[in-house]
Amino acid sequence: MRRTQSDNVVRFSGVLASVISVTANTPVVQVPAGAATGSITVSVGANSTASGTNFVIQPVR
């Protein structure tokens, strides 16, 4: 991860998340409104990766 927040892009099912803070290995993000069950993708410059399992939105009961 790059320490400059704007260099790191995180998406939940394609919906852009706000990056709150970044360390060398860990981004802290806010799950965006409109996020749905699906993969989380992280991009840093030209490199990106996706979660191996889905992030799951639980229904409100």
PDB file of N, CA and C in Angstrom:
ATOM      1  N   MET A   1       0.847  -1.167   0.000  1.00  0.00           N
ATOM      2  CA  MET A   1       0.000   0.000   0.000  1.00  0.00           C
ATOM      3  C   MET A   1       0.895   1.234   0.000  1.00  0.00           C
ATOM      4  N   ARG A   2       0.412   2.237  -0.660  1.00  0.00           N
ATOM      5  CA  ARG A   2       1.104   3.524  -0.627  1.00  0.00           C
ATOM      6  C   ARG A   2       0.513   4.346   0.503  1.00  0.00           C
ATOM      7  N   ARG A   3       1.333   5.100   1.147  1.00  0.00           N
ATOM      8  CA  ARG A   3       0.869   5.863   2.303  1.00  0.00           C
ATOM      9  C   ARG A   3      -0.018   7.052   1.939  1.00  0.00           C
ATOM     10  N   THR A   4      -0.006   7.450   0.687  1.00  0.00           N
ATOM     11  CA  THR A   4      -0.896   8.516   0.247  1.00  0.00           C
ATOM     12  C   THR A   4      -2.258   7.909  -0.050  1.00  0.00           C
ATOM     13  N   GLN A   5      -3.276   8.358   0.656  1.00  0.00           N
ATOM     14  CA  GLN A   5      -4.605   7.765   0.526  1.00  0.00           C
ATOM     15  C   GLN A   5      -5.106   7.776  -0.900  1.00  0.00           C
ATOM     16  N   SER A   6      -4.832   8.824  -1.631  1.00  0.00           N
ATOM     17  CA  SER A   6      -5.365   8.937  -2.992  1.00  0.00           C
ATOM     18  C   SER A   6      -4.726   7.944  -3.959  1.00  0.00           C
ATOM     19  N   ASP A   7      -3.598   7.339  -3.597  1.00  0.00           N
ATOM     20  CA  ASP A   7      -2.938   6.342  -4.445  1.00  0.00           C
ATOM     21  C   ASP A   7      -3.569   4.965  -4.331  1.00  0.00           C
ATOM     22  N   ASN A   8      -4.477   4.786  -3.368  1.00  0.00           N
ATOM     23  CA  ASN A   8      -5.088   3.493  -3.086  1.00  0.00           C
ATOM     24  C   ASN A   8      -6.578   3.557  -3.411  1.00  0.00           C
ATOM     25  N   VAL A   9      -7.053   2.606  -4.206  1.00  0.00           N
ATOM     26  CA  VAL A   9      -8.464   2.579  -4.589  1.00  0.00           C
ATOM     27  C   VAL A   9      -9.054   1.253  -4.120  1.00  0.00           C
ATOM     28  N   VAL A  10     -10.136   1.340  -3.347  1.00  0.00           N
ATOM     29  CA  VAL A  10     -10.818   0.148  -2.841  1.00  0.00           C
ATOM     30  C   VAL A  10     -12.264   0.212  -3.288  1.00  0.00           C
ATOM     31  N   ARG A  11     -12.755  -0.913  -3.806  1.00  0.00           N
ATOM     32  CA  ARG A  11     -14.150  -0.992  -4.257  1.00  0.00           C
ATOM     33  C   ARG A  11     -14.828  -2.223  -3.665  1.00  0.00           C
ATOM     34  N   PHE A  12     -16.079  -2.060  -3.289  1.00  0.00           N
ATOM     35  CA  PHE A  12     -16.926  -3.153  -2.818  1.00  0.00           C
ATOM     36  C   PHE A  12     -17.945  -3.415  -3.913  1.00  0.00           C
ATOM     37  N   SER A  13     -17.841  -4.541  -4.585  1.00  0.00           N
ATOM     38  CA  SER A  13     -18.737  -4.872  -5.706  1.00  0.00           C
ATOM     39  C   SER A  13     -18.778  -3.737  -6.724  1.00  0.00           C
ATOM     40  N   GLY A  14     -17.634  -3.125  -6.965  1.00  0.00           N
ATOM     41  CA  GLY A  14     -17.538  -2.063  -7.955  1.00  0.00           C
ATOM     42  C   GLY A  14     -17.837  -0.671  -7.437  1.00  0.00           C
ATOM     43  N   VAL A  15     -18.330  -0.563  -6.192  1.00  0.00           N
ATOM     44  CA  VAL A  15     -18.676   0.742  -5.620  1.00  0.00           C
ATOM     45  C   VAL A  15     -17.458   1.286  -4.871  1.00  0.00           C
ATOM     46  N   LEU A  16     -17.039   2.481  -5.225  1.00  0.00           N
ATOM     47  CA  LEU A  16     -15.855   3.104  -4.655  1.00  0.00           C
ATOM     48  C   LEU A  16     -16.031   3.377  -3.166  1.00  0.00           C
ATOM     49  N   ALA A  17     -15.029   2.968  -2.370  1.00  0.00           N
ATOM     50  CA  ALA A  17     -15.031   3.215  -0.928  1.00  0.00           C
ATOM     51  C   ALA A  17     -14.142   4.402  -0.609  1.00  0.00           C
ATOM     52  N   SER A  18     -14.425   5.075   0.498  1.00  0.00           N
ATOM     53  CA  SER A  18     -13.566   6.164   0.977  1.00  0.00           C
ATOM     54  C   SER A  18     -12.422   5.556   1.781  1.00  0.00           C
ATOM     55  N   VAL A  19     -11.189   5.902   1.410  1.00  0.00           N
ATOM     56  CA  VAL A  19     -10.020   5.438   2.150  1.00  0.00           C
ATOM     57  C   VAL A  19      -9.811   6.405   3.310  1.00  0.00           C
ATOM     58  N   ILE A  20      -9.873   5.867   4.535  1.00  0.00           N
ATOM     59  CA  ILE A  20      -9.743   6.679   5.747  1.00  0.00           C
ATOM     60  C   ILE A  20      -8.273   6.856   6.110  1.00  0.00           C
ATOM     61  N   SER A  21      -7.522   5.745   6.097  1.00  0.00           N
ATOM     62  CA  SER A  21      -6.098   5.799   6.404  1.00  0.00           C
ATOM     63  C   SER A  21      -5.412   4.601   5.763  1.00  0.00           C
ATOM     64  N   VAL A  22      -4.087   4.672   5.689  1.00  0.00           N
ATOM     65  CA  VAL A  22      -3.311   3.613   5.048  1.00  0.00           C
ATOM     66  C   VAL A  22      -2.008   3.419   5.826  1.00  0.00           C
ATOM     67  N   THR A  23      -1.654   2.143   6.065  1.00  0.00           N
ATOM     68  CA  THR A  23      -0.326   1.816   6.580  1.00  0.00           C
ATOM     69  C   THR A  23       0.388   1.074   5.458  1.00  0.00           C
ATOM     70  N   ALA A  24       1.564   0.551   5.737  1.00  0.00           N
ATOM     71  CA  ALA A  24       2.328  -0.155   4.704  1.00  0.00           C
ATOM     72  C   ALA A  24       1.574  -1.353   4.154  1.00  0.00           C
ATOM     73  N   ASN A  25       0.722  -1.986   4.950  1.00  0.00           N
ATOM     74  CA  ASN A  25       0.040  -3.214   4.532  1.00  0.00           C
ATOM     75  C   ASN A  25      -1.483  -3.172   4.616  1.00  0.00           C
ATOM     76  N   THR A  26      -2.035  -2.145   5.231  1.00  0.00           N
ATOM     77  CA  THR A  26      -3.464  -2.184   5.532  1.00  0.00           C
ATOM     78  C   THR A  26      -4.164  -0.874   5.212  1.00  0.00           C
ATOM     79  N   PRO A  27      -5.195  -0.938   4.354  1.00  0.00           N
ATOM     80  CA  PRO A  27      -6.035   0.243   4.182  1.00  0.00           C
ATOM     81  C   PRO A  27      -7.208   0.178   5.160  1.00  0.00           C
ATOM     82  N   VAL A  28      -7.604   1.313   5.680  1.00  0.00           N
ATOM     83  CA  VAL A  28      -8.824   1.393   6.483  1.00  0.00           C
ATOM     84  C   VAL A  28      -9.807   2.184   5.633  1.00  0.00           C
ATOM     85  N   VAL A  29     -10.945   1.556   5.337  1.00  0.00           N
ATOM     86  CA  VAL A  29     -11.918   2.184   4.450  1.00  0.00           C
ATOM     87  C   VAL A  29     -13.301   2.167   5.071  1.00  0.00           C
ATOM     88  N   GLN A  30     -14.161   3.019   4.556  1.00  0.00           N
ATOM     89  CA  GLN A  30     -15.561   3.024   4.958  1.00  0.00           C
ATOM     90  C   GLN A  30     -16.348   2.288   3.885  1.00  0.00           C
ATOM     91  N   VAL A  31     -17.146   1.300   4.303  1.00  0.00           N
ATOM     92  CA  VAL A  31     -17.980   0.580   3.336  1.00  0.00           C
ATOM     93  C   VAL A  31     -18.968   1.588   2.754  1.00  0.00           C
ATOM     94  N   PRO A  32     -19.003   1.700   1.435  1.00  0.00           N
ATOM     95  CA  PRO A  32     -19.845   2.732   0.827  1.00  0.00           C
ATOM     96  C   PRO A  32     -21.327   2.364   0.814  1.00  0.00           C
ATOM     97  N   ALA A  33     -22.163   3.387   0.856  1.00  0.00           N
ATOM     98  CA  ALA A  33     -23.590   3.175   0.645  1.00  0.00           C
ATOM     99  C   ALA A  33     -23.742   2.581  -0.747  1.00  0.00           C
ATOM    100  N   GLY A  34     -24.616   1.641  -0.901  1.00  0.00           N
ATOM    101  CA  GLY A  34     -24.805   1.013  -2.201  1.00  0.00           C
ATOM    102  C   GLY A  34     -23.939  -0.210  -2.413  1.00  0.00           C
ATOM    103  N   ALA A  35     -23.064  -0.520  -1.436  1.00  0.00           N
ATOM    104  CA  ALA A  35     -22.257  -1.735  -1.557  1.00  0.00           C
ATOM    105  C   ALA A  35     -23.182  -2.945  -1.516  1.00  0.00           C
ATOM    106  N   ALA A  36     -22.825  -3.964  -2.253  1.00  0.00           N
ATOM    107  CA  ALA A  36     -23.618  -5.185  -2.301  1.00  0.00           C
ATOM    108  C   ALA A  36     -22.693  -6.366  -2.055  1.00  0.00           C
ATOM    109  N   THR A  37     -23.280  -7.510  -1.809  1.00  0.00           N
ATOM    110  CA  THR A  37     -22.490  -8.719  -1.655  1.00  0.00           C
ATOM    111  C   THR A  37     -21.661  -8.932  -2.916  1.00  0.00           C
ATOM    112  N   GLY A  38     -20.381  -9.182  -2.733  1.00  0.00           N
ATOM    113  CA  GLY A  38     -19.492  -9.388  -3.873  1.00  0.00           C
ATOM    114  C   GLY A  38     -18.046  -9.213  -3.472  1.00  0.00           C
ATOM    115  N   SER A  39     -17.188  -9.119  -4.442  1.00  0.00           N
ATOM    116  CA  SER A  39     -15.753  -9.041  -4.163  1.00  0.00           C
ATOM    117  C   SER A  39     -15.332  -7.635  -3.754  1.00  0.00           C
ATOM    118  N   ILE A  40     -14.219  -7.592  -3.045  1.00  0.00           N
ATOM    119  CA  ILE A  40     -13.555  -6.344  -2.703  1.00  0.00           C
ATOM    120  C   ILE A  40     -12.324  -6.276  -3.584  1.00  0.00           C
ATOM    121  N   THR A  41     -12.132  -5.159  -4.261  1.00  0.00           N
ATOM    122  CA  THR A  41     -10.929  -5.000  -5.067  1.00  0.00           C
ATOM    123  C   THR A  41     -10.097  -3.857  -4.497  1.00  0.00           C
ATOM    124  N   VAL A  42      -8.788  -4.061  -4.536  1.00  0.00           N
ATOM    125  CA  VAL A  42      -7.844  -3.051  -4.071  1.00  0.00           C
ATOM    126  C   VAL A  42      -6.870  -2.789  -5.206  1.00  0.00           C
ATOM    127  N   SER A  43      -6.707  -1.518  -5.560  1.00  0.00           N
ATOM    128  CA  SER A  43      -5.770  -1.118  -6.610  1.00  0.00           C
ATOM    129  C   SER A  43      -4.792  -0.100  -6.042  1.00  0.00           C
ATOM    130  N   VAL A  44      -3.521  -0.326  -6.356  1.00  0.00           N
ATOM    131  CA  VAL A  44      -2.460   0.606  -5.975  1.00  0.00           C
ATOM    132  C   VAL A  44      -1.638   0.829  -7.236  1.00  0.00           C
ATOM    133  N   GLY A  45      -1.765   2.013  -7.802  1.00  0.00           N
ATOM    134  CA  GLY A  45      -1.102   2.264  -9.075  1.00  0.00           C
ATOM    135  C   GLY A  45      -1.622   1.301 -10.129  1.00  0.00           C
ATOM    136  N   ALA A  46      -0.728   0.611 -10.831  1.00  0.00           N
ATOM    137  CA  ALA A  46      -1.123  -0.330 -11.888  1.00  0.00           C
ATOM    138  C   ALA A  46      -1.404  -1.733 -11.348  1.00  0.00           C
ATOM    139  N   ASN A  47      -1.244  -1.946 -10.048  1.00  0.00           N
ATOM    140  CA  ASN A  47      -1.450  -3.275  -9.452  1.00  0.00           C
ATOM    141  C   ASN A  47      -2.812  -3.352  -8.788  1.00  0.00           C
ATOM    142  N   SER A  48      -3.502  -4.470  -8.988  1.00  0.00           N
ATOM    143  CA  SER A  48      -4.772  -4.668  -8.298  1.00  0.00           C
ATOM    144  C   SER A  48      -4.976  -6.131  -7.972  1.00  0.00           C
ATOM    145  N   THR A  49      -5.839  -6.348  -6.990  1.00  0.00           N
ATOM    146  CA  THR A  49      -6.183  -7.696  -6.562  1.00  0.00           C
ATOM    147  C   THR A  49      -7.624  -7.694  -6.083  1.00  0.00           C
ATOM    148  N   ALA A  50      -8.215  -8.877  -6.042  1.00  0.00           N
ATOM    149  CA  ALA A  50      -9.597  -9.022  -5.576  1.00  0.00           C
ATOM    150  C   ALA A  50      -9.638 -10.045  -4.449  1.00  0.00           C
ATOM    151  N   SER A  51     -10.615  -9.887  -3.577  1.00  0.00           N
ATOM    152  CA  SER A  51     -10.768 -10.817  -2.461  1.00  0.00           C
ATOM    153  C   SER A  51     -11.073 -12.218  -2.984  1.00  0.00           C
ATOM    154  N   GLY A  52     -10.607 -13.207  -2.257  1.00  0.00           N
ATOM    155  CA  GLY A  52     -10.847 -14.603  -2.632  1.00  0.00           C
ATOM    156  C   GLY A  52     -12.240 -15.077  -2.255  1.00  0.00           C
ATOM    157  N   THR A  53     -12.864 -14.392  -1.310  1.00  0.00           N
ATOM    158  CA  THR A  53     -14.235 -14.693  -0.915  1.00  0.00           C
ATOM    159  C   THR A  53     -15.037 -13.407  -0.967  1.00  0.00           C
ATOM    160  N   ASN A  54     -16.328 -13.548  -1.057  1.00  0.00           N
ATOM    161  CA  ASN A  54     -17.195 -12.377  -1.144  1.00  0.00           C
ATOM    162  C   ASN A  54     -17.370 -11.670   0.185  1.00  0.00           C
ATOM    163  N   PHE A  55     -17.425 -10.359   0.137  1.00  0.00           N
ATOM    164  CA  PHE A  55     -17.891  -9.534   1.245  1.00  0.00           C
ATOM    165  C   PHE A  55     -19.407  -9.707   1.225  1.00  0.00           C
ATOM    166  N   VAL A  56     -20.025  -9.954   2.378  1.00  0.00           N
ATOM    167  CA  VAL A  56     -21.459 -10.244   2.405  1.00  0.00           C
ATOM    168  C   VAL A  56     -22.211  -9.164   3.180  1.00  0.00           C
ATOM    169  N   ILE A  57     -23.218  -8.619   2.536  1.00  0.00           N
ATOM    170  CA  ILE A  57     -24.123  -7.652   3.185  1.00  0.00           C
ATOM    171  C   ILE A  57     -25.259  -8.469   3.805  1.00  0.00           C
ATOM    172  N   GLN A  58     -25.426  -8.338   5.107  1.00  0.00           N
ATOM    173  CA  GLN A  58     -26.489  -9.039   5.801  1.00  0.00           C
ATOM    174  C   GLN A  58     -27.758  -8.191   5.791  1.00  0.00           C
ATOM    175  N   PRO A  59     -28.919  -8.808   5.556  1.00  0.00           N
ATOM    176  CA  PRO A  59     -30.163  -8.030   5.576  1.00  0.00           C
ATOM    177  C   PRO A  59     -30.462  -7.529   6.989  1.00  0.00           C
ATOM    178  N   VAL A  60     -31.043  -6.349   7.072  1.00  0.00           N
ATOM    179  CA  VAL A  60     -31.447  -5.783   8.364  1.00  0.00           C
ATOM    180  C   VAL A  60     -32.713  -6.500   8.796  1.00  0.00           C
ATOM    181  N   ARG A  61     -32.722  -6.904  10.042  1.00  0.00           N
ATOM    182  CA  ARG A  61     -33.915  -7.615  10.559  1.00  0.00           C
ATOM    183  C   ARG A  61     -34.622  -6.818  11.592  1.00  0.00           C
TER     184      ARG A  61
END
